[in-house]
Protein backbone atom coordinates (compact mmCIF):
# COMPACT_ATOMS: atom_id res chain seq x y z
CA MET A 1 63.27 56.86 87.69
CA ALA A 2 62.71 53.16 87.83
CA GLY A 3 59.62 51.93 86.06
CA ALA A 4 58.86 55.24 84.39
CA ALA A 5 57.24 54.86 80.98
CA GLU A 6 59.25 55.99 77.97
CA ARG A 7 57.93 59.32 76.73
CA PRO A 8 57.22 59.55 73.00
CA LEU A 9 59.48 61.65 70.82
CA SER A 10 58.13 64.87 69.37
CA PRO A 11 56.73 64.31 65.88
CA HIS A 12 59.06 65.38 63.09
CA LEU A 13 59.70 64.78 59.39
CA GLN A 14 60.86 61.21 59.97
CA ILE A 15 57.51 60.32 61.53
CA TYR A 16 55.00 62.26 59.43
CA ARG A 17 54.32 61.36 55.82
CA PRO A 18 55.17 64.46 53.75
CA MET A 19 52.03 66.25 52.61
CA LEU A 20 51.71 69.14 50.17
CA THR A 21 50.62 71.59 52.85
CA MET A 22 53.55 70.60 55.07
CA MET A 23 55.99 71.11 52.19
CA MET A 24 54.37 74.48 51.46
CA SER A 25 54.97 75.54 55.06
CA ILE A 26 58.64 74.60 54.76
CA VAL A 27 59.00 76.38 51.39
CA HIS A 28 57.26 79.46 52.82
CA ARG A 29 59.90 79.66 55.53
CA ILE A 30 62.73 79.08 53.04
CA THR A 31 61.45 81.80 50.71
CA GLY A 32 61.20 84.15 53.69
CA VAL A 33 64.90 83.60 54.41
CA ALA A 34 65.75 83.96 50.70
CA LEU A 35 64.07 87.37 50.68
CA TYR A 36 66.70 88.65 53.11
CA PHE A 37 69.45 87.80 50.63
CA GLY A 38 67.51 89.21 47.68
CA THR A 39 66.85 92.42 49.55
CA ALA A 40 70.59 92.70 50.18
CA LEU A 41 71.07 92.50 46.40
CA LEU A 42 68.59 95.35 45.98
CA VAL A 43 70.45 97.43 48.58
CA ILE A 44 73.76 96.78 46.78
CA TRP A 45 72.19 97.91 43.50
CA LEU A 46 70.79 101.09 45.09
CA LEU A 47 74.10 101.89 46.81
CA ALA A 48 75.93 101.40 43.51
CA ALA A 49 73.44 103.73 41.80
CA ALA A 50 73.97 106.35 44.50
CA SER A 51 77.76 106.13 44.54
CA SER A 52 79.02 106.34 40.94
CA GLY A 53 78.34 105.48 37.34
CA GLN A 54 81.22 102.99 37.38
CA ALA A 55 79.83 101.14 40.42
CA PHE A 56 76.35 101.11 38.89
CA SER A 57 77.70 99.71 35.60
CA THR A 58 79.61 97.02 37.46
CA VAL A 59 76.58 95.89 39.47
CA ASN A 60 74.34 96.02 36.39
CA GLY A 61 76.89 93.90 34.54
CA LEU A 62 76.86 91.32 37.32
CA TYR A 63 73.09 91.27 37.60
CA GLY A 64 72.75 91.14 33.81
CA SER A 65 74.93 88.04 33.47
CA TRP A 66 73.26 84.66 33.09
CA LEU A 67 74.01 83.83 36.72
CA GLY A 68 72.77 87.23 37.90
CA LEU A 69 69.55 86.85 35.92
CA LEU A 70 69.06 83.36 37.35
CA VAL A 71 69.41 84.77 40.87
CA LEU A 72 67.02 87.63 40.06
CA VAL A 73 64.42 85.25 38.62
CA GLY A 74 64.77 83.09 41.74
CA TYR A 75 64.40 86.15 43.97
CA SER A 76 61.29 87.32 42.14
CA TRP A 77 59.78 83.82 42.38
CA ALA A 78 60.55 83.70 46.12
CA LEU A 79 58.96 87.12 46.58
CA ILE A 80 55.80 86.18 44.68
CA HIS A 81 55.57 82.73 46.27
CA HIS A 82 56.00 84.18 49.75
CA ALA A 83 53.39 86.87 49.07
CA LEU A 84 50.86 84.31 47.82
CA GLY A 85 51.59 82.17 50.87
CA GLY A 86 50.94 85.23 53.02
CA ILE A 87 47.58 85.71 51.32
CA ARG A 88 46.81 82.05 52.00
CA HIS A 89 47.64 82.57 55.68
CA PHE A 90 45.51 85.72 55.74
CA VAL A 91 42.53 83.74 54.44
CA TRP A 92 43.16 81.14 57.13
CA ASP A 93 43.24 83.94 59.74
CA THR A 94 39.62 84.67 58.83
CA GLY A 95 38.75 81.08 59.72
CA ALA A 96 38.13 80.01 56.12
CA GLY A 97 39.82 77.35 54.03
CA PHE A 98 40.77 74.84 56.72
CA GLY A 99 39.04 71.82 55.16
CA PRO A 100 41.17 69.23 53.34
CA GLY A 101 39.91 70.32 49.91
CA PRO A 102 40.50 74.05 50.31
CA ARG A 103 43.90 73.48 51.95
CA GLU A 104 45.11 71.42 49.00
CA LEU A 105 43.59 73.88 46.51
CA PHE A 106 45.32 76.86 48.20
CA ALA A 107 48.64 74.98 48.14
CA LYS A 108 48.30 74.17 44.43
CA LEU A 109 47.19 77.73 43.61
CA THR A 110 50.20 79.11 45.48
CA ILE A 111 52.60 76.90 43.55
CA GLY A 112 50.98 77.44 40.15
CA GLY A 113 50.31 81.12 40.75
CA SER A 114 53.88 81.85 41.78
CA VAL A 115 55.29 80.14 38.70
CA VAL A 116 52.79 81.76 36.30
CA LEU A 117 53.19 85.24 37.81
CA THR A 118 56.99 84.94 37.75
CA VAL A 119 56.93 83.96 34.08
CA ILE A 120 54.56 86.83 33.27
CA LEU A 121 56.77 89.27 35.18
CA TRP A 122 59.92 88.22 33.30
CA VAL A 123 58.17 88.19 29.92
CA VAL A 124 57.03 91.76 30.58
CA ILE A 125 60.56 92.72 31.70
CA TRP A 126 62.01 91.16 28.54
CA LEU A 127 59.45 92.92 26.31
CA VAL A 128 59.98 96.31 27.94
CA LYS A 129 63.76 95.96 28.04
CA GLY A 130 63.90 94.83 24.43
């Protein structure tokens, strides 16, 4: 079409300045995907428990290694972070918390809360496990 005006590109990360709430949206999606992989680990553990003592010992050995524990801590953080993000979205569904102040506060509470709750969870696990 001769003389047609150039249409603008759709806005994307190269155009928008990264903001905390935008990063939280991206992390919420990433943690949602991570939960699929973590749930697969839970299924493997349950299948090992149901199949034999040897299989259960093997999976427990893997999950109890430093790398396994790192993955489990990451999974628990993703689960908690995603849950807190879901609560944030639930509050937004009520029509509350859309102002710039509350949005930033919710984002910071989600980050801080997920870290604090993950640390508390693993301290309790460590104390109970001994």
